[in-house]
Structure formats: structure tokens, C-alpha cells
Amino acid sequence: MPYILAILVLAVGVYAVSCKKNVVKIIVGIMIMEHAVNLFLLLMTYRASEAGVVAPILTRGQDAAAFAATAADPTPQALILTSIVIGLGVVALMVAMALRLHEKYGTFDLSRIRSLRG
């Protein structure tokens, strides 16, 4: 049930990418889809049925077996951080390409760029 929010956010991003003609709006749609995937990964780590879930930081004197049973899985957290860093690089590249398009054609509208390219 908590995945519905991630699916709705992903649907908004897909709509923006598929239906908009402005390059900036398409970039925002791609960013929204990226955040939806990150939200989905975050929701996968949520364990509502188990009480007492702790951060995955082992301290001295702590029982390793009990810690492993109650600690949150750090793998999705690492995937989300990696995704954020890669997404930032991709967005920077897309913005640079959009600025070059605007510099060359004077517009962000894809249909106008296609007609001017001729």
C-alpha cells in the first residue's frame, strides 16, 4: 500500500516526459521519475510490522545476532545515495545540453527546434 505514492509520483514524471514539448519541463519530469525510484527504494526498507528497528551502526559490547535481527538494511540506503549522486551528474549534463540548444536555436520548445533544424 505505501508504494502507491511512489507509483503516482512516477506517473507524473512519465506524463511530463511524454507529453511536454519544453526541454526544461522534460528535464524536470526526468528528475521527478528519479525521485520516485528513490522513494520506492526507501519504502522497500520500511518495516512497519517490526518494532524497534535501529540504524545499522554496531557499537562495542552489542550482541551481533540481536543487532542483525533489529537493524535496518543499509544496502538500499547506499543505493539511494549512489542514485542521488549519479542523478545530479545526469541533470547537470542535461541542463548543459539544454543551454546549448537554447544558445543555438533560441528556444526550449522541441517542436520549434525540429522545424528550425531543417
N, C-alpha and C. Protein backbone atom coordinates (compact mmCIF):
# COMPACT_ATOMS: atom_id res chain seq x y z
N MET A 1 0.80 -1.21 0.00
CA MET A 1 0.00 0.00 0.00
C MET A 1 0.85 1.28 0.00
N PRO A 2 1.98 1.33 0.70
CA PRO A 2 2.75 2.58 0.67
C PRO A 2 3.42 2.84 -0.68
N TYR A 3 3.44 1.83 -1.55
CA TYR A 3 4.07 2.01 -2.85
C TYR A 3 3.22 2.84 -3.80
N ILE A 4 1.97 3.07 -3.46
CA ILE A 4 1.07 3.83 -4.33
C ILE A 4 1.60 5.25 -4.54
N LEU A 5 2.14 5.85 -3.49
CA LEU A 5 2.70 7.20 -3.61
C LEU A 5 3.85 7.23 -4.62
N ALA A 6 4.73 6.24 -4.54
CA ALA A 6 5.86 6.19 -5.48
C ALA A 6 5.37 5.99 -6.91
N ILE A 7 4.33 5.18 -7.08
CA ILE A 7 3.78 4.94 -8.42
C ILE A 7 3.13 6.22 -8.96
N LEU A 8 2.43 6.96 -8.11
CA LEU A 8 1.81 8.21 -8.55
C LEU A 8 2.85 9.25 -8.95
N VAL A 9 3.91 9.35 -8.16
CA VAL A 9 4.98 10.30 -8.49
C VAL A 9 5.66 9.89 -9.80
N LEU A 10 5.86 8.59 -9.99
CA LEU A 10 6.44 8.11 -11.24
C LEU A 10 5.53 8.42 -12.42
N ALA A 11 4.22 8.29 -12.23
CA ALA A 11 3.27 8.59 -13.31
C ALA A 11 3.32 10.07 -13.69
N VAL A 12 3.48 10.95 -12.71
CA VAL A 12 3.61 12.38 -13.01
C VAL A 12 4.87 12.63 -13.84
N GLY A 13 5.97 11.97 -13.48
CA GLY A 13 7.20 12.13 -14.25
C GLY A 13 7.08 11.60 -15.66
N VAL A 14 6.44 10.45 -15.82
CA VAL A 14 6.25 9.88 -17.16
C VAL A 14 5.37 10.80 -18.01
N TYR A 15 4.33 11.38 -17.39
CA TYR A 15 3.48 12.33 -18.11
C TYR A 15 4.29 13.53 -18.59
N ALA A 16 5.13 14.07 -17.72
CA ALA A 16 5.92 15.25 -18.09
C ALA A 16 6.89 14.93 -19.22
N VAL A 17 7.49 13.76 -19.19
CA VAL A 17 8.46 13.41 -20.23
C VAL A 17 7.77 13.13 -21.56
N SER A 18 6.62 12.47 -21.50
CA SER A 18 5.98 12.05 -22.75
C SER A 18 5.09 13.12 -23.38
N CYS A 19 4.54 14.03 -22.61
CA CYS A 19 3.55 14.97 -23.15
C CYS A 19 4.04 16.41 -23.30
N LYS A 20 5.10 16.77 -22.65
CA LYS A 20 5.57 18.15 -22.71
C LYS A 20 6.54 18.34 -23.86
N LYS A 21 6.56 19.53 -24.44
CA LYS A 21 7.43 19.86 -25.56
C LYS A 21 8.60 20.76 -25.16
N ASN A 22 8.58 21.25 -23.93
CA ASN A 22 9.62 22.14 -23.45
C ASN A 22 10.75 21.30 -22.85
N VAL A 23 11.99 21.58 -23.22
CA VAL A 23 13.13 20.80 -22.76
C VAL A 23 13.28 20.90 -21.24
N VAL A 24 13.04 22.07 -20.67
CA VAL A 24 13.17 22.24 -19.23
C VAL A 24 12.13 21.39 -18.49
N LYS A 25 10.91 21.35 -19.01
CA LYS A 25 9.86 20.54 -18.38
C LYS A 25 10.17 19.05 -18.50
N ILE A 26 10.80 18.65 -19.58
CA ILE A 26 11.20 17.25 -19.73
C ILE A 26 12.29 16.90 -18.72
N ILE A 27 13.23 17.81 -18.51
CA ILE A 27 14.28 17.58 -17.52
C ILE A 27 13.67 17.47 -16.12
N VAL A 28 12.72 18.33 -15.81
CA VAL A 28 12.04 18.24 -14.51
C VAL A 28 11.29 16.91 -14.38
N GLY A 29 10.67 16.45 -15.46
CA GLY A 29 9.99 15.16 -15.44
C GLY A 29 10.94 14.01 -15.18
N ILE A 30 12.12 14.05 -15.77
CA ILE A 30 13.13 13.02 -15.52
C ILE A 30 13.58 13.06 -14.06
N MET A 31 13.73 14.26 -13.52
CA MET A 31 14.10 14.38 -12.10
C MET A 31 13.01 13.82 -11.20
N ILE A 32 11.75 14.07 -11.54
CA ILE A 32 10.64 13.54 -10.75
C ILE A 32 10.64 12.01 -10.79
N MET A 33 10.90 11.44 -11.96
CA MET A 33 10.96 9.97 -12.05
C MET A 33 12.11 9.41 -11.22
N GLU A 34 13.24 10.11 -11.21
CA GLU A 34 14.37 9.67 -10.40
C GLU A 34 14.00 9.69 -8.91
N HIS A 35 13.33 10.73 -8.49
CA HIS A 35 12.92 10.81 -7.08
C HIS A 35 11.89 9.74 -6.74
N ALA A 36 11.04 9.38 -7.69
CA ALA A 36 10.06 8.32 -7.46
C ALA A 36 10.76 6.98 -7.24
N VAL A 37 11.80 6.71 -8.01
CA VAL A 37 12.55 5.47 -7.82
C VAL A 37 13.24 5.47 -6.46
N ASN A 38 13.81 6.61 -6.07
CA ASN A 38 14.44 6.71 -4.75
C ASN A 38 13.41 6.51 -3.64
N LEU A 39 12.22 7.08 -3.81
CA LEU A 39 11.16 6.89 -2.83
C LEU A 39 10.75 5.43 -2.74
N PHE A 40 10.67 4.75 -3.87
CA PHE A 40 10.33 3.32 -3.88
C PHE A 40 11.38 2.51 -3.13
N LEU A 41 12.67 2.80 -3.37
CA LEU A 41 13.72 2.09 -2.64
C LEU A 41 13.65 2.37 -1.15
N LEU A 42 13.33 3.59 -0.78
CA LEU A 42 13.20 3.93 0.63
C LEU A 42 12.03 3.20 1.27
N LEU A 43 10.91 3.12 0.55
CA LEU A 43 9.75 2.43 1.08
C LEU A 43 9.98 0.93 1.19
N MET A 44 10.85 0.38 0.36
CA MET A 44 11.17 -1.05 0.46
C MET A 44 11.87 -1.38 1.77
N THR A 45 12.62 -0.43 2.32
CA THR A 45 13.37 -0.70 3.55
C THR A 45 12.51 -0.53 4.79
N TYR A 46 11.33 0.04 4.65
CA TYR A 46 10.46 0.31 5.80
C TYR A 46 9.84 -0.99 6.29
N ARG A 47 9.98 -1.25 7.58
CA ARG A 47 9.41 -2.46 8.17
C ARG A 47 8.40 -2.03 9.23
N ALA A 48 7.15 -1.93 8.85
CA ALA A 48 6.12 -1.45 9.77
C ALA A 48 5.74 -2.51 10.80
N SER A 49 5.87 -3.78 10.46
CA SER A 49 5.42 -4.83 11.37
C SER A 49 6.39 -5.05 12.52
N GLU A 50 7.63 -4.63 12.37
CA GLU A 50 8.62 -4.87 13.41
C GLU A 50 8.88 -3.59 14.19
N ALA A 51 8.76 -3.68 15.50
CA ALA A 51 9.04 -2.53 16.36
C ALA A 51 10.51 -2.56 16.76
N GLY A 52 11.08 -1.42 16.98
CA GLY A 52 12.45 -1.34 17.46
C GLY A 52 13.51 -1.46 16.39
N VAL A 53 13.21 -1.08 15.17
CA VAL A 53 14.21 -1.12 14.11
C VAL A 53 15.20 0.02 14.36
N VAL A 54 16.49 -0.31 14.34
CA VAL A 54 17.52 0.68 14.66
C VAL A 54 18.40 0.92 13.44
N ALA A 55 19.16 2.00 13.50
CA ALA A 55 20.11 2.31 12.43
C ALA A 55 21.22 1.25 12.41
N PRO A 56 21.77 0.94 11.24
CA PRO A 56 22.77 -0.12 11.15
C PRO A 56 24.17 0.31 11.59
N ILE A 57 24.29 0.67 12.87
CA ILE A 57 25.57 1.08 13.44
C ILE A 57 25.85 0.18 14.64
N LEU A 58 26.85 -0.69 14.51
CA LEU A 58 27.19 -1.64 15.57
C LEU A 58 28.17 -0.98 16.53
N THR A 59 27.86 -1.04 17.82
CA THR A 59 28.74 -0.47 18.84
C THR A 59 29.40 -1.59 19.62
N ARG A 60 30.42 -1.23 20.40
CA ARG A 60 31.14 -2.21 21.20
C ARG A 60 30.24 -2.80 22.28
N GLY A 61 30.36 -4.09 22.48
CA GLY A 61 29.61 -4.76 23.53
C GLY A 61 28.19 -5.13 23.14
N GLN A 62 27.82 -4.88 21.93
CA GLN A 62 26.46 -5.18 21.47
C GLN A 62 26.45 -6.59 20.87
N ASP A 63 25.40 -7.34 21.16
CA ASP A 63 25.26 -8.70 20.64
C ASP A 63 25.00 -8.63 19.14
N ALA A 64 25.85 -9.29 18.36
CA ALA A 64 25.77 -9.21 16.89
C ALA A 64 24.50 -9.87 16.35
N ALA A 65 24.07 -10.97 16.95
CA ALA A 65 22.88 -11.66 16.45
C ALA A 65 21.62 -10.83 16.69
N ALA A 66 21.51 -10.24 17.88
CA ALA A 66 20.35 -9.39 18.18
C ALA A 66 20.37 -8.13 17.33
N PHE A 67 21.57 -7.61 17.09
CA PHE A 67 21.69 -6.41 16.26
C PHE A 67 21.26 -6.70 14.82
N ALA A 68 21.67 -7.84 14.28
CA ALA A 68 21.31 -8.19 12.91
C ALA A 68 19.81 -8.37 12.75
N ALA A 69 19.14 -8.81 13.80
CA ALA A 69 17.69 -9.01 13.72
C ALA A 69 16.91 -7.71 13.77
N THR A 70 17.48 -6.68 14.40
CA THR A 70 16.74 -5.42 14.57
C THR A 70 17.25 -4.27 13.70
N ALA A 71 18.39 -4.43 13.06
CA ALA A 71 18.97 -3.32 12.29
C ALA A 71 18.31 -3.21 10.92
N ALA A 72 18.20 -1.99 10.46
CA ALA A 72 17.68 -1.74 9.11
C ALA A 72 18.73 -2.16 8.09
N ASP A 73 18.28 -2.55 6.92
CA ASP A 73 19.19 -2.98 5.86
C ASP A 73 19.87 -1.75 5.25
N PRO A 74 21.21 -1.67 5.30
CA PRO A 74 21.90 -0.49 4.77
C PRO A 74 22.07 -0.48 3.25
N THR A 75 21.83 -1.61 2.58
CA THR A 75 22.05 -1.67 1.13
C THR A 75 21.15 -0.71 0.35
N PRO A 76 19.84 -0.68 0.60
CA PRO A 76 19.01 0.30 -0.14
C PRO A 76 19.39 1.75 0.16
N GLN A 77 19.84 2.01 1.38
CA GLN A 77 20.27 3.36 1.71
C GLN A 77 21.49 3.75 0.88
N ALA A 78 22.43 2.82 0.72
CA ALA A 78 23.60 3.09 -0.11
C ALA A 78 23.21 3.25 -1.57
N LEU A 79 22.25 2.46 -2.04
CA LEU A 79 21.77 2.59 -3.42
C LEU A 79 21.13 3.95 -3.65
N ILE A 80 20.37 4.43 -2.68
CA ILE A 80 19.71 5.73 -2.81
C ILE A 80 20.76 6.85 -2.87
N LEU A 81 21.76 6.79 -2.00
CA LEU A 81 22.81 7.81 -2.03
C LEU A 81 23.56 7.79 -3.36
N THR A 82 23.86 6.60 -3.86
CA THR A 82 24.53 6.49 -5.16
C THR A 82 23.64 7.04 -6.27
N SER A 83 22.36 6.74 -6.21
CA SER A 83 21.43 7.23 -7.22
C SER A 83 21.32 8.75 -7.20
N ILE A 84 21.35 9.34 -6.02
CA ILE A 84 21.28 10.80 -5.92
C ILE A 84 22.51 11.44 -6.57
N VAL A 85 23.69 10.89 -6.31
CA VAL A 85 24.92 11.45 -6.86
C VAL A 85 24.94 11.30 -8.38
N ILE A 86 24.58 10.12 -8.88
CA ILE A 86 24.55 9.90 -10.33
C ILE A 86 23.49 10.79 -10.97
N GLY A 87 22.34 10.91 -10.33
CA GLY A 87 21.27 11.76 -10.85
C GLY A 87 21.68 13.22 -10.95
N LEU A 88 22.45 13.68 -9.98
CA LEU A 88 22.93 15.06 -10.02
C LEU A 88 23.83 15.28 -11.23
N GLY A 89 24.71 14.33 -11.51
CA GLY A 89 25.57 14.44 -12.69
C GLY A 89 24.78 14.42 -13.98
N VAL A 90 23.77 13.55 -14.05
CA VAL A 90 22.94 13.45 -15.25
C VAL A 90 22.15 14.73 -15.47
N VAL A 91 21.60 15.29 -14.40
CA VAL A 91 20.84 16.54 -14.51
C VAL A 91 21.75 17.68 -14.95
N ALA A 92 22.96 17.73 -14.41
CA ALA A 92 23.90 18.78 -14.82
C ALA A 92 24.22 18.67 -16.31
N LEU A 93 24.39 17.45 -16.80
CA LEU A 93 24.65 17.24 -18.22
C LEU A 93 23.45 17.64 -19.07
N MET A 94 22.24 17.28 -18.63
CA MET A 94 21.03 17.64 -19.38
C MET A 94 20.83 19.15 -19.42
N VAL A 95 21.09 19.82 -18.31
CA VAL A 95 20.94 21.28 -18.28
C VAL A 95 21.96 21.93 -19.20
N ALA A 96 23.19 21.41 -19.21
CA ALA A 96 24.21 21.97 -20.11
C ALA A 96 23.80 21.77 -21.57
N MET A 97 23.25 20.60 -21.89
CA MET A 97 22.81 20.36 -23.27
C MET A 97 21.62 21.24 -23.62
N ALA A 98 20.71 21.46 -22.67
CA ALA A 98 19.56 22.33 -22.92
C ALA A 98 20.01 23.77 -23.15
N LEU A 99 21.00 24.21 -22.39
CA LEU A 99 21.51 25.57 -22.60
C LEU A 99 22.18 25.71 -23.96
N ARG A 100 22.87 24.67 -24.40
CA ARG A 100 23.47 24.71 -25.74
C ARG A 100 22.40 24.75 -26.83
N LEU A 101 21.31 23.98 -26.63
CA LEU A 101 20.19 24.03 -27.58
C LEU A 101 19.59 25.43 -27.64
N HIS A 102 19.41 26.04 -26.47
CA HIS A 102 18.84 27.39 -26.42
C HIS A 102 19.78 28.40 -27.06
N GLU A 103 21.06 28.20 -26.84
CA GLU A 103 22.06 29.09 -27.43
C GLU A 103 22.04 29.00 -28.96
N LYS A 104 21.85 27.79 -29.47
CA LYS A 104 21.88 27.59 -30.92
C LYS A 104 20.57 27.97 -31.60
N TYR A 105 19.43 27.58 -30.99
CA TYR A 105 18.13 27.76 -31.64
C TYR A 105 17.29 28.89 -31.04
N GLY A 106 17.64 29.37 -29.84
CA GLY A 106 16.91 30.47 -29.24
C GLY A 106 15.60 30.08 -28.58
N THR A 107 15.35 28.79 -28.39
CA THR A 107 14.11 28.34 -27.77
C THR A 107 14.34 27.00 -27.07
N PHE A 108 13.44 26.69 -26.13
CA PHE A 108 13.45 25.39 -25.47
C PHE A 108 12.36 24.47 -26.01
N ASP A 109 11.55 24.95 -26.94
CA ASP A 109 10.45 24.18 -27.48
C ASP A 109 10.97 23.16 -28.51
N LEU A 110 10.71 21.87 -28.26
CA LEU A 110 11.24 20.83 -29.13
C LEU A 110 10.64 20.85 -30.53
N SER A 111 9.35 21.16 -30.66
CA SER A 111 8.75 21.19 -31.99
C SER A 111 9.34 22.34 -32.82
N ARG A 112 9.61 23.45 -32.18
CA ARG A 112 10.24 24.58 -32.89
C ARG A 112 11.69 24.26 -33.25
N ILE A 113 12.39 23.56 -32.35
CA ILE A 113 13.78 23.18 -32.64
C ILE A 113 13.82 22.23 -33.84
N ARG A 114 12.87 21.29 -33.89
CA ARG A 114 12.83 20.36 -35.03
C ARG A 114 12.57 21.10 -36.34
N SER A 115 11.70 22.11 -36.31
CA SER A 115 11.42 22.85 -37.54
C SER A 115 12.58 23.76 -37.94
N LEU A 116 13.32 24.29 -36.96
CA LEU A 116 14.45 25.16 -37.27
C LEU A 116 15.66 24.36 -37.74
N ARG A 117 15.73 23.10 -37.33
CA ARG A 117 16.87 22.27 -37.66
C ARG A 117 16.97 22.02 -39.16
N GLY A 118 15.83 21.83 -39.80
CA GLY A 118 15.63 21.57 -41.20
C GLY A 118 16.75 21.74 -42.09
